[in-house]
């Protein structure tokens, strides 16, 4: 623990407080407003957005097969959202 930098502790605090604690309230507040069945499907798009930001921010190379899986996931979410809208 003595060898951990203050930047690492700052990043840990950011993730713990902002991403986890405050994000919890916004996420569940959004689900309460929009309905759990509709809003929770948006979380499936997290894979796609993570790939985009990994390439843009971190400079990582994302392979074609990964993009294909992400595109299939987007299609599944779109079809699922359409099924929810048609039923209710």
PDB file of N, CA and C in Angstrom:
ATOM      1  N   UNK A   1       0.823  -1.203   0.000  1.00  0.00           N
ATOM      2  CA  UNK A   1       0.000   0.000   0.000  1.00  0.00           C
ATOM      3  C   UNK A   1       0.863   1.261   0.000  1.00  0.00           C
ATOM      4  N   UNK A   2       2.042   1.183   0.587  1.00  0.00           N
ATOM      5  CA  UNK A   2       2.910   2.355   0.681  1.00  0.00           C
ATOM      6  C   UNK A   2       3.449   2.760  -0.680  1.00  0.00           C
ATOM      7  N   UNK A   3       3.461   1.847  -1.645  1.00  0.00           N
ATOM      8  CA  UNK A   3       4.023   2.138  -2.958  1.00  0.00           C
ATOM      9  C   UNK A   3       2.985   2.632  -3.958  1.00  0.00           C
ATOM     10  N   UNK A   4       1.757   2.762  -3.526  1.00  0.00           N
ATOM     11  CA  UNK A   4       0.699   3.218  -4.429  1.00  0.00           C
ATOM     12  C   UNK A   4       0.753   4.736  -4.525  1.00  0.00           C
ATOM     13  N   UNK A   5       0.747   5.237  -5.761  1.00  0.00           N
ATOM     14  CA  UNK A   5       0.871   6.686  -5.980  1.00  0.00           C
ATOM     15  C   UNK A   5      -0.427   7.416  -5.634  1.00  0.00           C
ATOM     16  N   UNK A   6      -0.330   8.712  -5.459  1.00  0.00           N
ATOM     17  CA  UNK A   6      -1.514   9.506  -5.155  1.00  0.00           C
ATOM     18  C   UNK A   6      -2.428   9.584  -6.374  1.00  0.00           C
ATOM     19  N   UNK A   7      -1.862   9.451  -7.598  1.00  0.00           N
ATOM     20  CA  UNK A   7      -2.695   9.432  -8.798  1.00  0.00           C
ATOM     21  C   UNK A   7      -3.574   8.176  -8.814  1.00  0.00           C
ATOM     22  N   UNK A   8      -2.996   7.056  -8.394  1.00  0.00           N
ATOM     23  CA  UNK A   8      -3.778   5.813  -8.339  1.00  0.00           C
ATOM     24  C   UNK A   8      -4.892   5.924  -7.304  1.00  0.00           C
ATOM     25  N   UNK A   9      -4.590   6.515  -6.153  1.00  0.00           N
ATOM     26  CA  UNK A   9      -5.621   6.709  -5.129  1.00  0.00           C
ATOM     27  C   UNK A   9      -6.701   7.665  -5.626  1.00  0.00           C
ATOM     28  N   UNK A  10      -6.291   8.713  -6.351  1.00  0.00           N
ATOM     29  CA  UNK A  10      -7.266   9.653  -6.915  1.00  0.00           C
ATOM     30  C   UNK A  10      -8.183   8.975  -7.925  1.00  0.00           C
ATOM     31  N   UNK A  11      -7.600   8.118  -8.785  1.00  0.00           N
ATOM     32  CA  UNK A  11      -8.407   7.379  -9.755  1.00  0.00           C
ATOM     33  C   UNK A  11      -9.361   6.424  -9.049  1.00  0.00           C
ATOM     34  N   UNK A  12      -8.877   5.783  -8.002  1.00  0.00           N
ATOM     35  CA  UNK A  12      -9.731   4.882  -7.219  1.00  0.00           C
ATOM     36  C   UNK A  12     -10.891   5.639  -6.581  1.00  0.00           C
ATOM     37  N   UNK A  13     -10.600   6.800  -6.025  1.00  0.00           N
ATOM     38  CA  UNK A  13     -11.646   7.612  -5.398  1.00  0.00           C
ATOM     39  C   UNK A  13     -12.669   8.075  -6.434  1.00  0.00           C
ATOM     40  N   UNK A  14     -12.192   8.463  -7.617  1.00  0.00           N
ATOM     41  CA  UNK A  14     -13.098   8.891  -8.686  1.00  0.00           C
ATOM     42  C   UNK A  14     -14.055   7.759  -9.069  1.00  0.00           C
ATOM     43  N   UNK A  15     -13.499   6.575  -9.291  1.00  0.00           N
ATOM     44  CA  UNK A  15     -14.334   5.440  -9.678  1.00  0.00           C
ATOM     45  C   UNK A  15     -15.313   5.078  -8.566  1.00  0.00           C
ATOM     46  N   UNK A  16     -14.829   5.101  -7.333  1.00  0.00           N
ATOM     47  CA  UNK A  16     -15.676   4.713  -6.209  1.00  0.00           C
ATOM     48  C   UNK A  16     -16.800   5.710  -5.975  1.00  0.00           C
ATOM     49  N   UNK A  17     -16.494   6.988  -6.017  1.00  0.00           N
ATOM     50  CA  UNK A  17     -17.497   7.994  -5.662  1.00  0.00           C
ATOM     51  C   UNK A  17     -18.346   8.395  -6.861  1.00  0.00           C
ATOM     52  N   UNK A  18     -17.725   8.837  -7.938  1.00  0.00           N
ATOM     53  CA  UNK A  18     -18.499   9.365  -9.062  1.00  0.00           C
ATOM     54  C   UNK A  18     -19.125   8.264  -9.912  1.00  0.00           C
ATOM     55  N   UNK A  19     -18.315   7.337 -10.369  1.00  0.00           N
ATOM     56  CA  UNK A  19     -18.844   6.323 -11.279  1.00  0.00           C
ATOM     57  C   UNK A  19     -19.797   5.362 -10.581  1.00  0.00           C
ATOM     58  N   UNK A  20     -19.458   4.946  -9.369  1.00  0.00           N
ATOM     59  CA  UNK A  20     -20.267   3.940  -8.704  1.00  0.00           C
ATOM     60  C   UNK A  20     -21.408   4.549  -7.885  1.00  0.00           C
ATOM     61  N   UNK A  21     -21.090   5.456  -6.998  1.00  0.00           N
ATOM     62  CA  UNK A  21     -22.102   5.986  -6.085  1.00  0.00           C
ATOM     63  C   UNK A  21     -23.067   6.930  -6.789  1.00  0.00           C
ATOM     64  N   UNK A  22     -22.569   7.962  -7.443  1.00  0.00           N
ATOM     65  CA  UNK A  22     -23.459   8.898  -8.132  1.00  0.00           C
ATOM     66  C   UNK A  22     -24.108   8.265  -9.358  1.00  0.00           C
ATOM     67  N   UNK A  23     -23.353   7.430 -10.072  1.00  0.00           N
ATOM     68  CA  UNK A  23     -23.910   6.740 -11.226  1.00  0.00           C
ATOM     69  C   UNK A  23     -25.078   5.853 -10.853  1.00  0.00           C
ATOM     70  N   UNK A  24     -25.029   5.271  -9.672  1.00  0.00           N
ATOM     71  CA  UNK A  24     -26.117   4.436  -9.166  1.00  0.00           C
ATOM     72  C   UNK A  24     -27.426   5.228  -9.129  1.00  0.00           C
ATOM     73  N   UNK A  25     -27.373   6.436  -8.592  1.00  0.00           N
ATOM     74  CA  UNK A  25     -28.593   7.241  -8.475  1.00  0.00           C
ATOM     75  C   UNK A  25     -29.127   7.657  -9.837  1.00  0.00           C
ATOM     76  N   UNK A  26     -28.243   8.067 -10.754  1.00  0.00           N
ATOM     77  CA  UNK A  26     -28.702   8.465 -12.088  1.00  0.00           C
ATOM     78  C   UNK A  26     -29.252   7.283 -12.869  1.00  0.00           C
ATOM     79  N   UNK A  27     -28.578   6.124 -12.780  1.00  0.00           N
ATOM     80  CA  UNK A  27     -29.021   4.948 -13.528  1.00  0.00           C
ATOM     81  C   UNK A  27     -30.396   4.481 -13.057  1.00  0.00           C
ATOM     82  N   UNK A  28     -30.575   4.322 -11.761  1.00  0.00           N
ATOM     83  CA  UNK A  28     -31.853   3.840 -11.256  1.00  0.00           C
ATOM     84  C   UNK A  28     -32.930   4.907 -11.352  1.00  0.00           C
ATOM     85  N   UNK A  29     -32.558   6.179 -11.274  1.00  0.00           N
ATOM     86  CA  UNK A  29     -33.527   7.245 -11.517  1.00  0.00           C
ATOM     87  C   UNK A  29     -34.033   7.214 -12.946  1.00  0.00           C
ATOM     88  N   UNK A  30     -33.120   6.989 -13.893  1.00  0.00           N
ATOM     89  CA  UNK A  30     -33.511   6.875 -15.301  1.00  0.00           C
ATOM     90  C   UNK A  30     -34.399   5.678 -15.558  1.00  0.00           C
ATOM     91  N   UNK A  31     -34.108   4.563 -14.889  1.00  0.00           N
ATOM     92  CA  UNK A  31     -34.963   3.386 -15.056  1.00  0.00           C
ATOM     93  C   UNK A  31     -36.344   3.619 -14.455  1.00  0.00           C
ATOM     94  N   UNK A  32     -36.420   4.379 -13.369  1.00  0.00           N
ATOM     95  CA  UNK A  32     -37.721   4.687 -12.774  1.00  0.00           C
ATOM     96  C   UNK A  32     -38.546   5.567 -13.705  1.00  0.00           C
ATOM     97  N   UNK A  33     -37.891   6.473 -14.406  1.00  0.00           N
ATOM     98  CA  UNK A  33     -38.610   7.376 -15.312  1.00  0.00           C
ATOM     99  C   UNK A  33     -39.033   6.659 -16.593  1.00  0.00           C
ATOM    100  N   UNK A  34     -38.117   5.912 -17.207  1.00  0.00           N
ATOM    101  CA  UNK A  34     -38.381   5.311 -18.509  1.00  0.00           C
ATOM    102  C   UNK A  34     -38.892   3.891 -18.484  1.00  0.00           C
ATOM    103  N   UNK A  35     -38.877   3.264 -17.343  1.00  0.00           N
ATOM    104  CA  UNK A  35     -39.302   1.866 -17.252  1.00  0.00           C
ATOM    105  C   UNK A  35     -38.104   0.930 -17.352  1.00  0.00           C
ATOM    106  N   UNK A  36     -38.080  -0.054 -16.470  1.00  0.00           N
ATOM    107  CA  UNK A  36     -36.932  -0.955 -16.381  1.00  0.00           C
ATOM    108  C   UNK A  36     -36.721  -1.726 -17.679  1.00  0.00           C
ATOM    109  N   UNK A  37     -37.775  -2.245 -18.279  1.00  0.00           N
ATOM    110  CA  UNK A  37     -37.647  -3.075 -19.474  1.00  0.00           C
ATOM    111  C   UNK A  37     -37.068  -2.298 -20.651  1.00  0.00           C
ATOM    112  N   UNK A  38     -37.403  -1.037 -20.767  1.00  0.00           N
ATOM    113  CA  UNK A  38     -36.926  -0.245 -21.901  1.00  0.00           C
ATOM    114  C   UNK A  38     -35.538   0.312 -21.659  1.00  0.00           C
ATOM    115  N   UNK A  39     -35.303   0.864 -20.497  1.00  0.00           N
ATOM    116  CA  UNK A  39     -34.047   1.558 -20.231  1.00  0.00           C
ATOM    117  C   UNK A  39     -32.899   0.580 -19.995  1.00  0.00           C
ATOM    118  N   UNK A  40     -33.173  -0.552 -19.369  1.00  0.00           N
ATOM    119  CA  UNK A  40     -32.092  -1.482 -19.059  1.00  0.00           C
ATOM    120  C   UNK A  40     -31.446  -2.053 -20.315  1.00  0.00           C
ATOM    121  N   UNK A  41     -32.153  -2.077 -21.425  1.00  0.00           N
ATOM    122  CA  UNK A  41     -31.571  -2.565 -22.677  1.00  0.00           C
ATOM    123  C   UNK A  41     -30.489  -1.645 -23.199  1.00  0.00           C
ATOM    124  N   UNK A  42     -30.524  -0.393 -22.814  1.00  0.00           N
ATOM    125  CA  UNK A  42     -29.496   0.554 -23.237  1.00  0.00           C
ATOM    126  C   UNK A  42     -28.134   0.126 -22.701  1.00  0.00           C
ATOM    127  N   UNK A  43     -28.119  -0.543 -21.572  1.00  0.00           N
ATOM    128  CA  UNK A  43     -26.857  -0.993 -20.993  1.00  0.00           C
ATOM    129  C   UNK A  43     -26.151  -1.987 -21.910  1.00  0.00           C
ATOM    130  N   UNK A  44     -26.896  -2.689 -22.748  1.00  0.00           N
ATOM    131  CA  UNK A  44     -26.283  -3.608 -23.694  1.00  0.00           C
ATOM    132  C   UNK A  44     -25.413  -2.870 -24.710  1.00  0.00           C
ATOM    133  N   UNK A  45     -25.669  -1.605 -24.927  1.00  0.00           N
ATOM    134  CA  UNK A  45     -24.856  -0.808 -25.849  1.00  0.00           C
ATOM    135  C   UNK A  45     -23.520  -0.392 -25.231  1.00  0.00           C
ATOM    136  N   UNK A  46     -23.344  -0.663 -23.969  1.00  0.00           N
ATOM    137  CA  UNK A  46     -22.103  -0.292 -23.291  1.00  0.00           C
ATOM    138  C   UNK A  46     -20.893  -0.934 -23.967  1.00  0.00           C
ATOM    139  N   UNK A  47     -21.041  -2.149 -24.458  1.00  0.00           N
ATOM    140  CA  UNK A  47     -19.960  -2.826 -25.167  1.00  0.00           C
ATOM    141  C   UNK A  47     -19.497  -1.998 -26.358  1.00  0.00           C
ATOM    142  N   UNK A  48     -20.445  -1.553 -27.148  1.00  0.00           N
ATOM    143  CA  UNK A  48     -20.136  -0.788 -28.354  1.00  0.00           C
ATOM    144  C   UNK A  48     -19.460   0.539 -28.018  1.00  0.00           C
ATOM    145  N   UNK A  49     -19.996   1.236 -27.042  1.00  0.00           N
ATOM    146  CA  UNK A  49     -19.407   2.522 -26.651  1.00  0.00           C
ATOM    147  C   UNK A  49     -18.028   2.344 -26.022  1.00  0.00           C
ATOM    148  N   UNK A  50     -17.827   1.272 -25.288  1.00  0.00           N
ATOM    149  CA  UNK A  50     -16.517   0.999 -24.700  1.00  0.00           C
ATOM    150  C   UNK A  50     -15.477   0.776 -25.784  1.00  0.00           C
ATOM    151  N   UNK A  51     -15.848   0.073 -26.847  1.00  0.00           N
ATOM    152  CA  UNK A  51     -14.919  -0.141 -27.957  1.00  0.00           C
ATOM    153  C   UNK A  51     -14.545   1.171 -28.636  1.00  0.00           C
ATOM    154  N   UNK A  52     -15.523   2.024 -28.830  1.00  0.00           N
ATOM    155  CA  UNK A  52     -15.254   3.319 -29.470  1.00  0.00           C
ATOM    156  C   UNK A  52     -14.299   4.141 -28.617  1.00  0.00           C
ATOM    157  N   UNK A  53     -14.592   4.243 -27.336  1.00  0.00           N
ATOM    158  CA  UNK A  53     -13.746   5.057 -26.465  1.00  0.00           C
ATOM    159  C   UNK A  53     -12.374   4.429 -26.247  1.00  0.00           C
ATOM    160  N   UNK A  54     -12.281   3.095 -26.278  1.00  0.00           N
ATOM    161  CA  UNK A  54     -10.979   2.440 -26.149  1.00  0.00           C
ATOM    162  C   UNK A  54     -10.086   2.816 -27.318  1.00  0.00           C
ATOM    163  N   UNK A  55     -10.674   2.905 -28.496  1.00  0.00           N
ATOM    164  CA  UNK A  55      -9.899   3.310 -29.667  1.00  0.00           C
ATOM    165  C   UNK A  55      -9.551   4.786 -29.667  1.00  0.00           C
ATOM    166  N   UNK A  56     -10.518   5.612 -29.297  1.00  0.00           N
ATOM    167  CA  UNK A  56     -10.295   7.059 -29.338  1.00  0.00           C
ATOM    168  C   UNK A  56      -9.402   7.561 -28.208  1.00  0.00           C
ATOM    169  N   UNK A  57      -9.676   7.134 -27.014  1.00  0.00           N
ATOM    170  CA  UNK A  57      -8.961   7.669 -25.853  1.00  0.00           C
ATOM    171  C   UNK A  57      -7.656   6.921 -25.589  1.00  0.00           C
ATOM    172  N   UNK A  58      -7.723   5.585 -25.623  1.00  0.00           N
ATOM    173  CA  UNK A  58      -6.545   4.790 -25.266  1.00  0.00           C
ATOM    174  C   UNK A  58      -5.684   4.404 -26.452  1.00  0.00           C
ATOM    175  N   UNK A  59      -6.171   4.643 -27.660  1.00  0.00           N
ATOM    176  CA  UNK A  59      -5.406   4.290 -28.847  1.00  0.00           C
ATOM    177  C   UNK A  59      -5.300   2.798 -29.082  1.00  0.00           C
ATOM    178  N   UNK A  60      -6.228   2.023 -28.545  1.00  0.00           N
ATOM    179  CA  UNK A  60      -6.197   0.574 -28.714  1.00  0.00           C
ATOM    180  C   UNK A  60      -6.709   0.191 -30.096  1.00  0.00           C
ATOM    181  N   UNK A  61      -6.196  -0.908 -30.606  1.00  0.00           N
ATOM    182  CA  UNK A  61      -6.647  -1.437 -31.888  1.00  0.00           C
ATOM    183  C   UNK A  61      -7.757  -2.442 -31.626  1.00  0.00           C
ATOM    184  N   UNK A  62      -8.887  -2.227 -32.275  1.00  0.00           N
ATOM    185  CA  UNK A  62     -10.041  -3.108 -32.112  1.00  0.00           C
ATOM    186  C   UNK A  62     -10.214  -3.879 -33.415  1.00  0.00           C
ATOM    187  N   UNK A  63     -10.199  -5.217 -33.329  1.00  0.00           N
ATOM    188  CA  UNK A  63     -10.277  -6.069 -34.513  1.00  0.00           C
ATOM    189  C   UNK A  63     -11.654  -6.084 -35.158  1.00  0.00           C
ATOM    190  N   UNK A  64     -11.683  -6.549 -36.404  1.00  0.00           N
ATOM    191  CA  UNK A  64     -12.930  -6.590 -37.174  1.00  0.00           C
ATOM    192  C   UNK A  64     -13.958  -7.516 -36.532  1.00  0.00           C
ATOM    193  N   UNK A  65     -13.517  -8.646 -36.013  1.00  0.00           N
ATOM    194  CA  UNK A  65     -14.473  -9.575 -35.396  1.00  0.00           C
ATOM    195  C   UNK A  65     -15.142  -8.949 -34.170  1.00  0.00           C
ATOM    196  N   UNK A  66     -14.420  -8.127 -33.453  1.00  0.00           N
ATOM    197  CA  UNK A  66     -14.994  -7.442 -32.294  1.00  0.00           C
ATOM    198  C   UNK A  66     -16.052  -6.449 -32.737  1.00  0.00           C
ATOM    199  N   UNK A  67     -15.801  -5.723 -33.817  1.00  0.00           N
ATOM    200  CA  UNK A  67     -16.793  -4.786 -34.341  1.00  0.00           C
ATOM    201  C   UNK A  67     -18.035  -5.503 -34.844  1.00  0.00           C
ATOM    202  N   UNK A  68     -17.842  -6.683 -35.426  1.00  0.00           N
ATOM    203  CA  UNK A  68     -18.993  -7.460 -35.906  1.00  0.00           C
ATOM    204  C   UNK A  68     -19.872  -7.887 -34.737  1.00  0.00           C
ATOM    205  N   UNK A  69     -19.247  -8.373 -33.674  1.00  0.00           N
ATOM    206  CA  UNK A  69     -20.016  -8.759 -32.484  1.00  0.00           C
ATOM    207  C   UNK A  69     -20.735  -7.547 -31.900  1.00  0.00           C
ATOM    208  N   UNK A  70     -20.077  -6.391 -31.870  1.00  0.00           N
ATOM    209  CA  UNK A  70     -20.707  -5.176 -31.357  1.00  0.00           C
ATOM    210  C   UNK A  70     -21.895  -4.778 -32.228  1.00  0.00           C
ATOM    211  N   UNK A  71     -21.758  -4.899 -33.538  1.00  0.00           N
ATOM    212  CA  UNK A  71     -22.860  -4.560 -34.440  1.00  0.00           C
ATOM    213  C   UNK A  71     -24.040  -5.514 -34.247  1.00  0.00           C
ATOM    214  N   UNK A  72     -23.756  -6.793 -34.052  1.00  0.00           N
ATOM    215  CA  UNK A  72     -24.826  -7.763 -33.773  1.00  0.00           C
ATOM    216  C   UNK A  72     -25.527  -7.403 -32.469  1.00  0.00           C
ATOM    217  N   UNK A  73     -24.757  -6.976 -31.480  1.00  0.00           N
ATOM    218  CA  UNK A  73     -25.348  -6.581 -30.198  1.00  0.00           C
ATOM    219  C   UNK A  73     -26.280  -5.374 -30.379  1.00  0.00           C
ATOM    220  N   UNK A  74     -25.859  -4.405 -31.174  1.00  0.00           N
ATOM    221  CA  UNK A  74     -26.712  -3.238 -31.437  1.00  0.00           C
ATOM    222  C   UNK A  74     -28.002  -3.675 -32.131  1.00  0.00           C
ATOM    223  N   UNK A  75     -27.900  -4.596 -33.067  1.00  0.00           N
ATOM    224  CA  UNK A  75     -29.086  -5.098 -33.752  1.00  0.00           C
ATOM    225  C   UNK A  75     -30.032  -5.796 -32.781  1.00  0.00           C
ATOM    226  N   UNK A  76     -29.476  -6.593 -31.891  1.00  0.00           N
ATOM    227  CA  UNK A  76     -30.302  -7.290 -30.899  1.00  0.00           C
ATOM    228  C   UNK A  76     -31.010  -6.297 -29.983  1.00  0.00           C
ATOM    229  N   UNK A  77     -30.290  -5.257 -29.558  1.00  0.00           N
ATOM    230  CA  UNK A  77     -30.910  -4.235 -28.707  1.00  0.00           C
ATOM    231  C   UNK A  77     -32.025  -3.521 -29.463  1.00  0.00           C
ATOM    232  N   UNK A  78     -31.777  -3.176 -30.726  1.00  0.00           N
ATOM    233  CA  UNK A  78     -32.803  -2.487 -31.518  1.00  0.00           C
ATOM    234  C   UNK A  78     -34.037  -3.364 -31.697  1.00  0.00           C
ATOM    235  N   UNK A  79     -33.835  -4.643 -31.978  1.00  0.00           N
ATOM    236  CA  UNK A  79     -34.975  -5.555 -32.118  1.00  0.00           C
ATOM    237  C   UNK A  79     -35.715  -5.724 -30.795  1.00  0.00           C
ATOM    238  N   UNK A  80     -34.966  -5.800 -29.710  1.00  0.00           N
ATOM    239  CA  UNK A  80     -35.586  -5.925 -28.395  1.00  0.00           C
ATOM    240  C   UNK A  80     -36.388  -4.697 -28.010  1.00  0.00           C
ATOM    241  N   UNK A  81     -35.860  -3.536 -28.315  1.00  0.00           N
ATOM    242  CA  UNK A  81     -36.593  -2.299 -28.016  1.00  0.00           C
ATOM    243  C   UNK A  81     -37.860  -2.215 -28.848  1.00  0.00           C
ATOM    244  N   UNK A  82     -37.793  -2.668 -30.096  1.00  0.00           N
ATOM    245  CA  UNK A  82     -38.982  -2.670 -30.938  1.00  0.00           C
ATOM    246  C   UNK A  82     -40.048  -3.615 -30.412  1.00  0.00           C
ATOM    247  N   UNK A  83     -39.631  -4.755 -29.884  1.00  0.00           N
ATOM    248  CA  UNK A  83     -40.589  -5.718 -29.336  1.00  0.00           C
ATOM    249  C   UNK A  83     -41.262  -5.148 -28.090  1.00  0.00           C
ATOM    250  N   UNK A  84     -40.537  -4.408 -27.282  1.00  0.00           N
ATOM    251  CA  UNK A  84     -41.124  -3.790 -26.086  1.00  0.00           C
ATOM    252  C   UNK A  84     -42.116  -2.722 -26.489  1.00  0.00           C
ATOM    253  N   UNK A  85     -41.777  -1.932 -27.517  1.00  0.00           N
ATOM    254  CA  UNK A  85     -42.674  -0.861 -27.961  1.00  0.00           C
ATOM    255  C   UNK A  85     -43.943  -1.456 -28.563  1.00  0.00           C
ATOM    256  N   UNK A  86     -43.824  -2.542 -29.311  1.00  0.00           N
ATOM    257  CA  UNK A  86     -45.000  -3.142 -29.934  1.00  0.00           C
ATOM    258  C   UNK A  86     -45.956  -3.746 -28.896  1.00  0.00           C
ATOM    259  N   UNK A  87     -45.414  -4.329 -27.827  1.00  0.00           N
ATOM    260  CA  UNK A  87     -46.262  -4.936 -26.811  1.00  0.00           C
ATOM    261  C   UNK A  87     -46.908  -3.918 -25.887  1.00  0.00           C
ATOM    262  N   UNK A  88     -46.226  -2.825 -25.634  1.00  0.00           N
ATOM    263  CA  UNK A  88     -46.751  -1.929 -24.621  1.00  0.00           C
ATOM    264  C   UNK A  88     -46.792  -0.570 -25.103  1.00  0.00           C
TER     265      UNK A  88
END
